[in-house]
Amino acid sequence: MAVKKKGKLGAGAAASGGHNLMDSAHQIWLAGLGALSRAQAGAPKIFEELLREGAKLQGGAFETAQRTLLGAFAGAQQQVRERVDSVRGQAGETWDQLEKIFQMRVQRAMHQLGMPTAEEITALTRRVEQLQASVDKLGTRGTAARAAPRRRRAAAAPQAD
């Protein structure tokens, strides 16, 4: 960057300004050559430092990318599980509804054909069991009543002899 001087520029000043510009350009050139010399002398060391810094940066970026990717994958996996569970629940509900509809239709068709319901069959079974118990009681009373006169006759017969 050129430095501005205060004051009027004259013919002598213009000539010295050109000289200053040449001096500045020469100094910049020399500074550049010095920087190049230092870079060449320290190049292997600088190169190794740059490699280490690059490896650190890459490792950190890789770990960050890996964590981000695993987090996104876990989130997507959780969403898929939730959706599968939701669909599974809906399918179960739908299946239960279809089963109820099927049972109602079968029951209606059997009723139209004159088939008794489960309650009617249960009531009829109870009634048959009650009747069977009554028949069994009557059968044991009748057998005991018939056996009693035979015993009396058998006991009475030896005395008549």
C-alpha atoms as a PDB file:
ATOM      1  CA  MET A   1       0.000   0.000   0.000  1.00  0.00           C
ATOM      2  CA  ALA A   2       1.422   3.374  -1.008  1.00  0.00           C
ATOM      3  CA  VAL A   3       1.820   6.056   1.638  1.00  0.00           C
ATOM      4  CA  LYS A   4       0.418   9.512   0.884  1.00  0.00           C
ATOM      5  CA  LYS A   5       2.407  12.521   1.954  1.00  0.00           C
ATOM      6  CA  LYS A   6       0.894  15.832   2.902  1.00  0.00           C
ATOM      7  CA  GLY A   7       1.710  18.846   0.912  1.00  0.00           C
ATOM      8  CA  LYS A   8       1.951  19.948  -2.704  1.00  0.00           C
ATOM      9  CA  LEU A   9       3.369  17.683  -5.297  1.00  0.00           C
ATOM     10  CA  GLY A  10       5.962  19.401  -7.393  1.00  0.00           C
ATOM     11  CA  ALA A  11       8.172  18.208 -10.196  1.00  0.00           C
ATOM     12  CA  GLY A  12      10.835  17.096  -7.711  1.00  0.00           C
ATOM     13  CA  ALA A  13       8.253  15.418  -5.570  1.00  0.00           C
ATOM     14  CA  ALA A  14       6.917  13.478  -8.555  1.00  0.00           C
ATOM     15  CA  ALA A  15      10.369  12.205  -9.352  1.00  0.00           C
ATOM     16  CA  SER A  16      11.032  11.187  -5.735  1.00  0.00           C
ATOM     17  CA  GLY A  17       7.506   9.595  -5.559  1.00  0.00           C
ATOM     18  CA  GLY A  18       8.421   7.351  -8.465  1.00  0.00           C
ATOM     19  CA  HIS A  19      11.636   6.478  -6.690  1.00  0.00           C
ATOM     20  CA  ASN A  20       9.697   5.601  -3.531  1.00  0.00           C
ATOM     21  CA  LEU A  21       7.390   3.418  -5.530  1.00  0.00           C
ATOM     22  CA  MET A  22      10.365   1.556  -6.954  1.00  0.00           C
ATOM     23  CA  ASP A  23      11.837   1.156  -3.484  1.00  0.00           C
ATOM     24  CA  SER A  24       8.515  -0.183  -2.138  1.00  0.00           C
ATOM     25  CA  ALA A  25       8.158  -2.652  -4.990  1.00  0.00           C
ATOM     26  CA  HIS A  26      11.765  -3.796  -4.470  1.00  0.00           C
ATOM     27  CA  GLN A  27      11.146  -4.290  -0.727  1.00  0.00           C
ATOM     28  CA  ILE A  28       7.987  -6.300  -1.434  1.00  0.00           C
ATOM     29  CA  TRP A  29       9.938  -8.441  -3.862  1.00  0.00           C
ATOM     30  CA  LEU A  30      12.672  -9.079  -1.296  1.00  0.00           C
ATOM     31  CA  ALA A  31      10.084  -9.935   1.400  1.00  0.00           C
ATOM     32  CA  GLY A  32       8.489 -12.442  -0.942  1.00  0.00           C
ATOM     33  CA  LEU A  33      11.870 -14.046  -1.675  1.00  0.00           C
ATOM     34  CA  GLY A  34      12.560 -14.276   2.059  1.00  0.00           C
ATOM     35  CA  ALA A  35       9.189 -15.914   2.698  1.00  0.00           C
ATOM     36  CA  LEU A  36       9.862 -18.371  -0.117  1.00  0.00           C
ATOM     37  CA  SER A  37      13.277 -19.190   1.335  1.00  0.00           C
ATOM     38  CA  ARG A  38      11.848 -19.832   4.783  1.00  0.00           C
ATOM     39  CA  ALA A  39       9.020 -21.953   3.351  1.00  0.00           C
ATOM     40  CA  GLN A  40      11.523 -24.073   1.423  1.00  0.00           C
ATOM     41  CA  ALA A  41      13.750 -24.503   4.471  1.00  0.00           C
ATOM     42  CA  GLY A  42      10.875 -25.448   6.787  1.00  0.00           C
ATOM     43  CA  ALA A  43       8.759 -27.220   4.179  1.00  0.00           C
ATOM     44  CA  PRO A  44       9.060 -30.770   5.576  1.00  0.00           C
ATOM     45  CA  LYS A  45       8.228 -29.595   9.102  1.00  0.00           C
ATOM     46  CA  ILE A  46       5.334 -27.433   7.916  1.00  0.00           C
ATOM     47  CA  PHE A  47       4.132 -30.265   5.704  1.00  0.00           C
ATOM     48  CA  GLU A  48       4.081 -32.665   8.666  1.00  0.00           C
ATOM     49  CA  GLU A  49       2.232 -30.111  10.804  1.00  0.00           C
ATOM     50  CA  LEU A  50      -0.300 -29.628   8.045  1.00  0.00           C
ATOM     51  CA  LEU A  51      -0.740 -33.404   7.779  1.00  0.00           C
ATOM     52  CA  ARG A  52      -1.392 -33.692  11.530  1.00  0.00           C
ATOM     53  CA  GLU A  53      -3.865 -30.819  11.500  1.00  0.00           C
ATOM     54  CA  GLY A  54      -5.587 -32.275   8.440  1.00  0.00           C
ATOM     55  CA  ALA A  55      -5.825 -35.706  10.104  1.00  0.00           C
ATOM     56  CA  LYS A  56      -7.327 -34.131  13.244  1.00  0.00           C
ATOM     57  CA  LEU A  57      -9.801 -32.186  11.173  1.00  0.00           C
ATOM     58  CA  GLN A  58     -10.704 -35.212   9.085  1.00  0.00           C
ATOM     59  CA  GLY A  59     -11.048 -37.459  12.170  1.00  0.00           C
ATOM     60  CA  GLY A  60     -13.282 -34.939  13.897  1.00  0.00           C
ATOM     61  CA  ALA A  61     -15.343 -34.427  10.773  1.00  0.00           C
ATOM     62  CA  PHE A  62     -15.585 -38.188  10.234  1.00  0.00           C
ATOM     63  CA  GLU A  63     -16.701 -38.796  13.822  1.00  0.00           C
ATOM     64  CA  THR A  64     -19.216 -35.972  13.607  1.00  0.00           C
ATOM     65  CA  ALA A  65     -20.545 -37.281  10.296  1.00  0.00           C
ATOM     66  CA  GLN A  66     -20.703 -40.807  11.702  1.00  0.00           C
ATOM     67  CA  ARG A  67     -22.581 -39.668  14.828  1.00  0.00           C
ATOM     68  CA  THR A  68     -24.967 -37.635  12.700  1.00  0.00           C
ATOM     69  CA  LEU A  69     -25.538 -40.558  10.351  1.00  0.00           C
ATOM     70  CA  LEU A  70     -26.095 -43.024  13.202  1.00  0.00           C
ATOM     71  CA  GLY A  71     -28.479 -40.593  14.893  1.00  0.00           C
ATOM     72  CA  ALA A  72     -30.453 -40.144  11.692  1.00  0.00           C
ATOM     73  CA  PHE A  73     -30.502 -43.911  11.134  1.00  0.00           C
ATOM     74  CA  ALA A  74     -31.704 -44.563  14.700  1.00  0.00           C
ATOM     75  CA  GLY A  75     -34.428 -41.940  14.282  1.00  0.00           C
ATOM     76  CA  ALA A  76     -35.567 -43.429  10.995  1.00  0.00           C
ATOM     77  CA  GLN A  77     -35.510 -46.913  12.493  1.00  0.00           C
ATOM     78  CA  GLN A  78     -37.658 -45.756  15.421  1.00  0.00           C
ATOM     79  CA  GLN A  79     -40.156 -44.136  13.048  1.00  0.00           C
ATOM     80  CA  VAL A  80     -40.360 -47.337  11.000  1.00  0.00           C
ATOM     81  CA  ARG A  81     -40.979 -49.384  14.170  1.00  0.00           C
ATOM     82  CA  GLU A  82     -43.718 -46.992  15.287  1.00  0.00           C
ATOM     83  CA  ARG A  83     -45.391 -47.137  11.892  1.00  0.00           C
ATOM     84  CA  VAL A  84     -45.165 -50.935  11.770  1.00  0.00           C
ATOM     85  CA  ASP A  85     -46.674 -51.177  15.254  1.00  0.00           C
ATOM     86  CA  SER A  86     -49.442 -48.782  14.231  1.00  0.00           C
ATOM     87  CA  VAL A  87     -50.226 -50.748  11.069  1.00  0.00           C
ATOM     88  CA  ARG A  88     -50.081 -54.013  13.033  1.00  0.00           C
ATOM     89  CA  GLY A  89     -52.591 -52.627  15.548  1.00  0.00           C
ATOM     90  CA  GLN A  90     -54.911 -51.415  12.804  1.00  0.00           C
ATOM     91  CA  ALA A  91     -54.697 -54.775  11.058  1.00  0.00           C
ATOM     92  CA  GLY A  92     -55.550 -56.556  14.321  1.00  0.00           C
ATOM     93  CA  GLU A  93     -58.569 -54.310  14.860  1.00  0.00           C
ATOM     94  CA  THR A  94     -59.713 -54.854  11.284  1.00  0.00           C
ATOM     95  CA  TRP A  95     -59.306 -58.619  11.664  1.00  0.00           C
ATOM     96  CA  ASP A  96     -61.366 -58.587  14.872  1.00  0.00           C
ATOM     97  CA  GLN A  97     -64.104 -56.608  13.129  1.00  0.00           C
ATOM     98  CA  LEU A  98     -64.142 -59.027  10.191  1.00  0.00           C
ATOM     99  CA  GLU A  99     -64.347 -61.960  12.590  1.00  0.00           C
ATOM    100  CA  LYS A 100     -67.331 -60.397  14.398  1.00  0.00           C
ATOM    101  CA  ILE A 101     -69.104 -59.703  11.111  1.00  0.00           C
ATOM    102  CA  PHE A 102     -68.489 -63.285   9.974  1.00  0.00           C
ATOM    103  CA  GLN A 103     -69.797 -64.711  13.267  1.00  0.00           C
ATOM    104  CA  MET A 104     -72.916 -62.548  13.104  1.00  0.00           C
ATOM    105  CA  ARG A 105     -73.656 -63.632   9.537  1.00  0.00           C
ATOM    106  CA  VAL A 106     -73.132 -67.310  10.328  1.00  0.00           C
ATOM    107  CA  GLN A 107     -75.345 -66.993  13.406  1.00  0.00           C
ATOM    108  CA  ARG A 108     -78.058 -65.250  11.386  1.00  0.00           C
ATOM    109  CA  ALA A 109     -77.912 -67.930   8.664  1.00  0.00           C
ATOM    110  CA  MET A 110     -78.124 -70.743  11.234  1.00  0.00           C
ATOM    111  CA  HIS A 111     -81.082 -69.039  12.921  1.00  0.00           C
ATOM    112  CA  GLN A 112     -82.862 -68.775   9.568  1.00  0.00           C
ATOM    113  CA  LEU A 113     -82.292 -72.520   9.087  1.00  0.00           C
ATOM    114  CA  GLY A 114     -83.865 -73.190  12.481  1.00  0.00           C
ATOM    115  CA  MET A 115     -80.678 -74.070  14.329  1.00  0.00           C
ATOM    116  CA  PRO A 116     -80.812 -73.311  18.054  1.00  0.00           C
ATOM    117  CA  THR A 117     -78.456 -70.773  19.596  1.00  0.00           C
ATOM    118  CA  ALA A 118     -75.734 -71.646  22.103  1.00  0.00           C
ATOM    119  CA  GLU A 119     -77.904 -70.362  24.963  1.00  0.00           C
ATOM    120  CA  GLU A 120     -80.834 -72.489  23.820  1.00  0.00           C
ATOM    121  CA  ILE A 121     -78.629 -75.583  23.622  1.00  0.00           C
ATOM    122  CA  THR A 122     -77.207 -74.880  27.097  1.00  0.00           C
ATOM    123  CA  ALA A 123     -80.706 -74.450  28.546  1.00  0.00           C
ATOM    124  CA  LEU A 124     -81.857 -77.640  26.811  1.00  0.00           C
ATOM    125  CA  THR A 125     -78.850 -79.538  28.147  1.00  0.00           C
ATOM    126  CA  ARG A 126     -79.644 -78.397  31.695  1.00  0.00           C
ATOM    127  CA  ARG A 127     -83.264 -79.465  31.267  1.00  0.00           C
ATOM    128  CA  VAL A 128     -82.221 -82.906  29.950  1.00  0.00           C
ATOM    129  CA  GLU A 129     -79.883 -83.337  32.939  1.00  0.00           C
ATOM    130  CA  GLN A 130     -82.721 -82.422  35.328  1.00  0.00           C
ATOM    131  CA  LEU A 131     -85.045 -84.864  33.616  1.00  0.00           C
ATOM    132  CA  GLN A 132     -82.380 -87.574  33.723  1.00  0.00           C
ATOM    133  CA  ALA A 133     -81.918 -86.988  37.452  1.00  0.00           C
ATOM    134  CA  SER A 134     -85.702 -87.237  37.961  1.00  0.00           C
ATOM    135  CA  VAL A 135     -85.874 -90.456  35.934  1.00  0.00           C
ATOM    136  CA  ASP A 136     -82.991 -91.904  37.935  1.00  0.00           C
ATOM    137  CA  LYS A 137     -84.783 -91.063  41.218  1.00  0.00           C
ATOM    138  CA  LEU A 138     -87.995 -92.645  40.001  1.00  0.00           C
ATOM    139  CA  GLY A 139     -86.071 -95.690  38.808  1.00  0.00           C
ATOM    140  CA  THR A 140     -84.412 -96.262  42.178  1.00  0.00           C
ATOM    141  CA  ARG A 141     -87.729 -95.818  44.052  1.00  0.00           C
ATOM    142  CA  GLY A 142     -89.494 -98.242  41.751  1.00  0.00           C
ATOM    143  CA  THR A 143     -86.744-100.845  42.094  1.00  0.00           C
ATOM    144  CA  ALA A 144     -86.777-100.558  45.896  1.00  0.00           C
ATOM    145  CA  ALA A 145     -90.588-100.779  45.976  1.00  0.00           C
ATOM    146  CA  ARG A 146     -90.597-103.913  43.765  1.00  0.00           C
ATOM    147  CA  ALA A 147     -87.808-105.571  45.736  1.00  0.00           C
ATOM    148  CA  ALA A 148     -89.597-105.100  49.104  1.00  0.00           C
ATOM    149  CA  PRO A 149     -92.680-107.286  48.282  1.00  0.00           C
ATOM    150  CA  ARG A 150     -90.457-110.090  46.947  1.00  0.00           C
ATOM    151  CA  ARG A 151     -88.548-110.194  50.191  1.00  0.00           C
ATOM    152  CA  ARG A 152     -91.769-110.401  52.167  1.00  0.00           C
ATOM    153  CA  ARG A 153     -93.023-113.200  49.980  1.00  0.00           C
ATOM    154  CA  ALA A 154     -89.732-115.034  50.196  1.00  0.00           C
ATOM    155  CA  ALA A 155     -89.765-114.690  53.972  1.00  0.00           C
ATOM    156  CA  ALA A 156     -93.412-115.749  54.178  1.00  0.00           C
ATOM    157  CA  ALA A 157     -92.981-118.818  51.952  1.00  0.00           C
ATOM    158  CA  PRO A 158     -90.746-120.900  54.299  1.00  0.00           C
ATOM    159  CA  GLN A 159     -93.192-120.515  57.148  1.00  0.00           C
ATOM    160  CA  ALA A 160     -95.988-122.047  55.091  1.00  0.00           C
ATOM    161  CA  ASP A 161     -94.042-125.197  54.534  1.00  0.00           C
END
